[in-house]
Amino acid sequence: MIKHLGTSLRMTIVSIVLLGLIYPLAMTAIAQVAFPKQANGSLVTVNGKVVGSWIVGQLWSKPQYFQGRPSAAGKGYDPTNTGGTNYGATSKKLIDSTKATIATLEKQNPDASGPPPMDLVTSSASGIDPDISPDAAYWEAPRVAKARKMSIAAVNALVAQHVQGRTFGFLGEPHVNVLELNLALDGLKTD
């Protein structure tokens, strides 16, 4: 029995060192060399100041900016506490929240045509999705154009320039990165 206990203790220590220290450090080193921008969070800087990340959504509340998907991550857009609401389709909380969000969006966007697209109403599974659908961006365009005193055609053209297609031509859906679009609206160039 002592022999088996010693063997299992040695294997545990070897496993901890190998899989808990050496492997993560090796993967971090490889990522830093091969993909340094992605390994450091895909941070976006403007004039030397970090303004966000290409891969993490953030709250945009001013009318002159496009808004992203609602967030259920932590207290909102918290990349250390990601997750959706996990409410079922018949959940009263989900139904009430959805109705309230639709009413708020329609109040904020009185010139938009039709109901708001679902990605502006519901949070993503991670709660930090940085993208919205092209339909959602076009739906928000009248509010943004009005707030910036721009023509709707100019805002729609900017949206069209920032629509990204499916990954590899067949994965996912076309989307618009909200941070990228809002920086383009401000005419800001990233470093």
Protein backbone atom coordinates (compact mmCIF):
# COMPACT_ATOMS: atom_id res chain seq x y z
CA MET A 1 0.00 0.00 0.00
CA ILE A 2 2.82 2.44 0.86
CA LYS A 3 4.42 1.65 -2.50
CA HIS A 4 1.19 2.54 -4.36
CA LEU A 5 0.75 5.69 -2.29
CA GLY A 6 4.28 6.82 -3.13
CA THR A 7 3.75 6.12 -6.84
CA SER A 8 0.47 8.03 -6.92
CA LEU A 9 2.02 10.97 -5.04
CA ARG A 10 4.96 11.13 -7.48
CA MET A 11 2.58 10.95 -10.49
CA THR A 12 0.45 13.72 -8.99
CA ILE A 13 3.48 15.97 -8.52
CA VAL A 14 4.77 15.23 -12.03
CA SER A 15 1.30 15.93 -13.49
CA ILE A 16 0.97 19.22 -11.61
CA VAL A 17 4.41 20.40 -12.72
CA LEU A 18 3.96 19.25 -16.31
CA LEU A 19 0.32 20.22 -16.91
CA GLY A 20 -0.05 23.02 -14.39
CA LEU A 21 3.23 24.87 -14.97
CA ILE A 22 5.33 23.77 -17.95
CA TYR A 23 2.51 23.32 -20.50
CA PRO A 24 0.72 26.65 -19.76
CA LEU A 25 4.04 28.55 -19.79
CA ALA A 26 5.04 26.92 -23.08
CA MET A 27 1.67 27.73 -24.70
CA THR A 28 1.87 31.33 -23.43
CA ALA A 29 5.39 31.70 -24.84
CA ILE A 30 4.37 30.25 -28.23
CA ALA A 31 1.30 32.53 -28.36
CA GLN A 32 3.39 35.60 -27.49
CA VAL A 33 5.82 34.81 -30.32
CA ALA A 34 3.37 33.60 -32.97
CA PHE A 35 0.33 35.79 -32.22
CA PRO A 36 1.40 38.65 -29.92
CA LYS A 37 -1.58 40.94 -30.65
CA GLN A 38 -4.19 38.22 -30.08
CA ALA A 39 -2.37 36.83 -27.03
CA ASN A 40 -2.56 40.24 -25.39
CA GLY A 41 -6.29 40.69 -25.92
CA SER A 42 -6.41 42.30 -29.38
CA LEU A 43 -6.29 45.73 -27.77
CA VAL A 44 -7.06 48.79 -29.88
CA THR A 45 -5.09 51.97 -29.28
CA VAL A 46 -5.77 55.46 -30.56
CA ASN A 47 -3.05 58.06 -30.09
CA GLY A 48 -1.23 55.72 -27.70
CA LYS A 49 -4.30 55.18 -25.48
CA VAL A 50 -6.13 51.85 -25.24
CA VAL A 51 -9.78 52.41 -26.24
CA GLY A 52 -11.04 48.83 -26.36
CA SER A 53 -10.53 45.40 -27.85
CA TRP A 54 -11.49 43.97 -31.24
CA ILE A 55 -12.81 40.85 -29.51
CA VAL A 56 -14.62 42.21 -26.42
CA GLY A 57 -17.81 44.27 -26.66
CA GLN A 58 -18.27 47.39 -24.59
CA LEU A 59 -21.08 49.70 -23.55
CA TRP A 60 -21.92 52.53 -25.94
CA SER A 61 -24.68 54.74 -24.54
CA LYS A 62 -24.39 58.02 -26.45
CA PRO A 63 -26.84 58.41 -29.35
CA GLN A 64 -24.06 59.29 -31.83
CA TYR A 65 -22.58 55.80 -31.47
CA PHE A 66 -23.76 52.40 -32.60
CA GLN A 67 -24.66 50.17 -29.68
CA GLY A 68 -23.64 46.57 -29.39
CA ARG A 69 -25.55 43.60 -28.10
CA PRO A 70 -26.82 43.77 -24.53
CA SER A 71 -24.51 42.08 -22.05
CA ALA A 72 -25.28 39.60 -19.29
CA ALA A 73 -21.59 39.18 -18.40
CA GLY A 74 -21.03 40.16 -14.78
CA LYS A 75 -22.27 43.71 -14.37
CA GLY A 76 -22.09 44.12 -18.16
CA TYR A 77 -19.33 43.52 -20.71
CA ASP A 78 -17.08 41.92 -18.07
CA PRO A 79 -14.62 39.62 -19.88
CA THR A 80 -13.66 37.96 -16.57
CA ASN A 81 -17.26 36.87 -15.92
CA THR A 82 -18.69 35.88 -19.29
CA GLY A 83 -21.99 34.17 -19.84
CA GLY A 84 -25.53 34.58 -21.04
CA THR A 85 -28.66 34.94 -18.98
CA ASN A 86 -29.47 31.22 -19.27
CA TYR A 87 -33.18 32.02 -19.10
CA GLY A 88 -35.46 29.55 -20.85
CA ALA A 89 -37.77 30.63 -23.67
CA THR A 90 -40.77 30.70 -21.33
CA SER A 91 -39.00 32.56 -18.52
CA LYS A 92 -41.03 35.55 -17.30
CA LYS A 93 -37.78 37.42 -16.56
CA LEU A 94 -36.61 36.89 -20.15
CA ILE A 95 -39.95 37.94 -21.62
CA ASP A 96 -40.18 41.06 -19.42
CA SER A 97 -36.55 41.98 -20.10
CA THR A 98 -37.03 41.52 -23.85
CA LYS A 99 -40.15 43.69 -23.89
CA ALA A 100 -38.38 46.41 -21.87
CA THR A 101 -35.35 46.34 -24.16
CA ILE A 102 -37.51 46.58 -27.28
CA ALA A 103 -39.42 49.55 -25.80
CA THR A 104 -36.15 51.30 -24.90
CA LEU A 105 -34.65 50.71 -28.34
CA GLU A 106 -37.78 51.95 -30.12
CA LYS A 107 -37.79 55.06 -27.93
CA GLN A 108 -34.09 55.71 -28.65
CA ASN A 109 -34.55 55.01 -32.37
CA PRO A 110 -37.91 56.54 -33.35
CA ASP A 111 -36.92 56.92 -37.01
CA ALA A 112 -35.89 53.28 -37.46
CA SER A 113 -38.13 51.16 -39.61
CA GLY A 114 -39.64 48.00 -38.19
CA PRO A 115 -38.86 46.27 -34.93
CA PRO A 116 -35.26 46.10 -33.69
CA PRO A 117 -33.25 43.07 -34.86
CA MET A 118 -32.97 40.35 -32.24
CA ASP A 119 -29.23 40.78 -31.73
CA LEU A 120 -29.92 44.27 -30.31
CA VAL A 121 -32.52 42.80 -27.97
CA THR A 122 -30.86 39.64 -26.63
CA SER A 123 -27.42 39.10 -25.18
CA SER A 124 -24.99 36.66 -26.73
CA ALA A 125 -23.92 33.44 -25.04
CA SER A 126 -20.68 35.06 -23.87
CA GLY A 127 -22.20 38.45 -23.03
CA ILE A 128 -19.21 40.22 -24.59
CA ASP A 129 -19.88 39.84 -28.32
CA PRO A 130 -18.16 42.77 -30.10
CA ASP A 131 -20.23 42.44 -33.27
CA ILE A 132 -23.75 43.13 -34.46
CA SER A 133 -25.51 42.04 -37.62
CA PRO A 134 -25.57 44.38 -40.63
CA ASP A 135 -29.36 44.58 -40.15
CA ALA A 136 -28.84 45.85 -36.59
CA ALA A 137 -26.34 48.47 -37.77
CA TYR A 138 -28.66 49.70 -40.52
CA TRP A 139 -31.54 49.78 -38.01
CA GLU A 140 -29.49 52.06 -35.71
CA ALA A 141 -28.23 54.26 -38.56
CA PRO A 142 -31.08 56.85 -38.45
CA ARG A 143 -30.36 57.63 -34.77
CA VAL A 144 -26.62 57.92 -35.37
CA ALA A 145 -27.11 60.09 -38.47
CA LYS A 146 -29.48 62.42 -36.62
CA ALA A 147 -27.18 62.73 -33.58
CA ARG A 148 -24.15 63.47 -35.79
CA LYS A 149 -26.06 65.70 -38.23
CA MET A 150 -25.02 63.42 -41.09
CA SER A 151 -27.09 62.09 -43.96
CA ILE A 152 -28.50 58.63 -43.52
CA ALA A 153 -26.87 57.71 -46.84
CA ALA A 154 -23.42 58.61 -45.47
CA VAL A 155 -23.93 56.55 -42.32
CA ASN A 156 -25.29 53.60 -44.32
CA ALA A 157 -22.28 53.80 -46.63
CA LEU A 158 -19.96 53.65 -43.61
CA VAL A 159 -21.84 50.62 -42.29
CA ALA A 160 -21.56 48.93 -45.70
CA GLN A 161 -17.77 49.51 -45.69
CA HIS A 162 -17.49 47.76 -42.31
CA VAL A 163 -19.58 44.66 -42.97
CA GLN A 164 -17.34 41.62 -42.59
CA GLY A 165 -18.37 38.45 -44.43
CA ARG A 166 -18.53 34.91 -43.21
CA THR A 167 -15.26 33.44 -41.95
CA PHE A 168 -13.69 31.38 -44.76
CA GLY A 169 -16.79 32.20 -46.80
CA PHE A 170 -19.07 29.73 -44.99
CA LEU A 171 -18.66 29.97 -41.19
CA GLY A 172 -20.86 32.27 -39.13
CA GLU A 173 -22.86 35.21 -40.39
CA PRO A 174 -21.89 38.60 -41.85
CA HIS A 175 -21.24 41.04 -39.00
CA VAL A 176 -20.06 44.54 -38.11
CA ASN A 177 -17.53 45.21 -35.35
CA VAL A 178 -19.11 47.97 -33.24
CA LEU A 179 -15.81 49.43 -31.98
CA GLU A 180 -14.35 49.58 -35.49
CA LEU A 181 -17.50 51.26 -36.84
CA ASN A 182 -17.63 53.82 -34.02
CA LEU A 183 -13.95 54.68 -34.44
CA ALA A 184 -14.57 55.17 -38.17
CA LEU A 185 -17.46 57.51 -37.34
CA ASP A 186 -15.10 59.57 -35.22
CA GLY A 187 -12.53 59.50 -38.01
CA LEU A 188 -9.97 57.98 -35.64
CA LYS A 189 -7.06 55.92 -36.83
CA THR A 190 -5.83 53.07 -34.67
CA ASP A 191 -2.14 52.74 -33.81
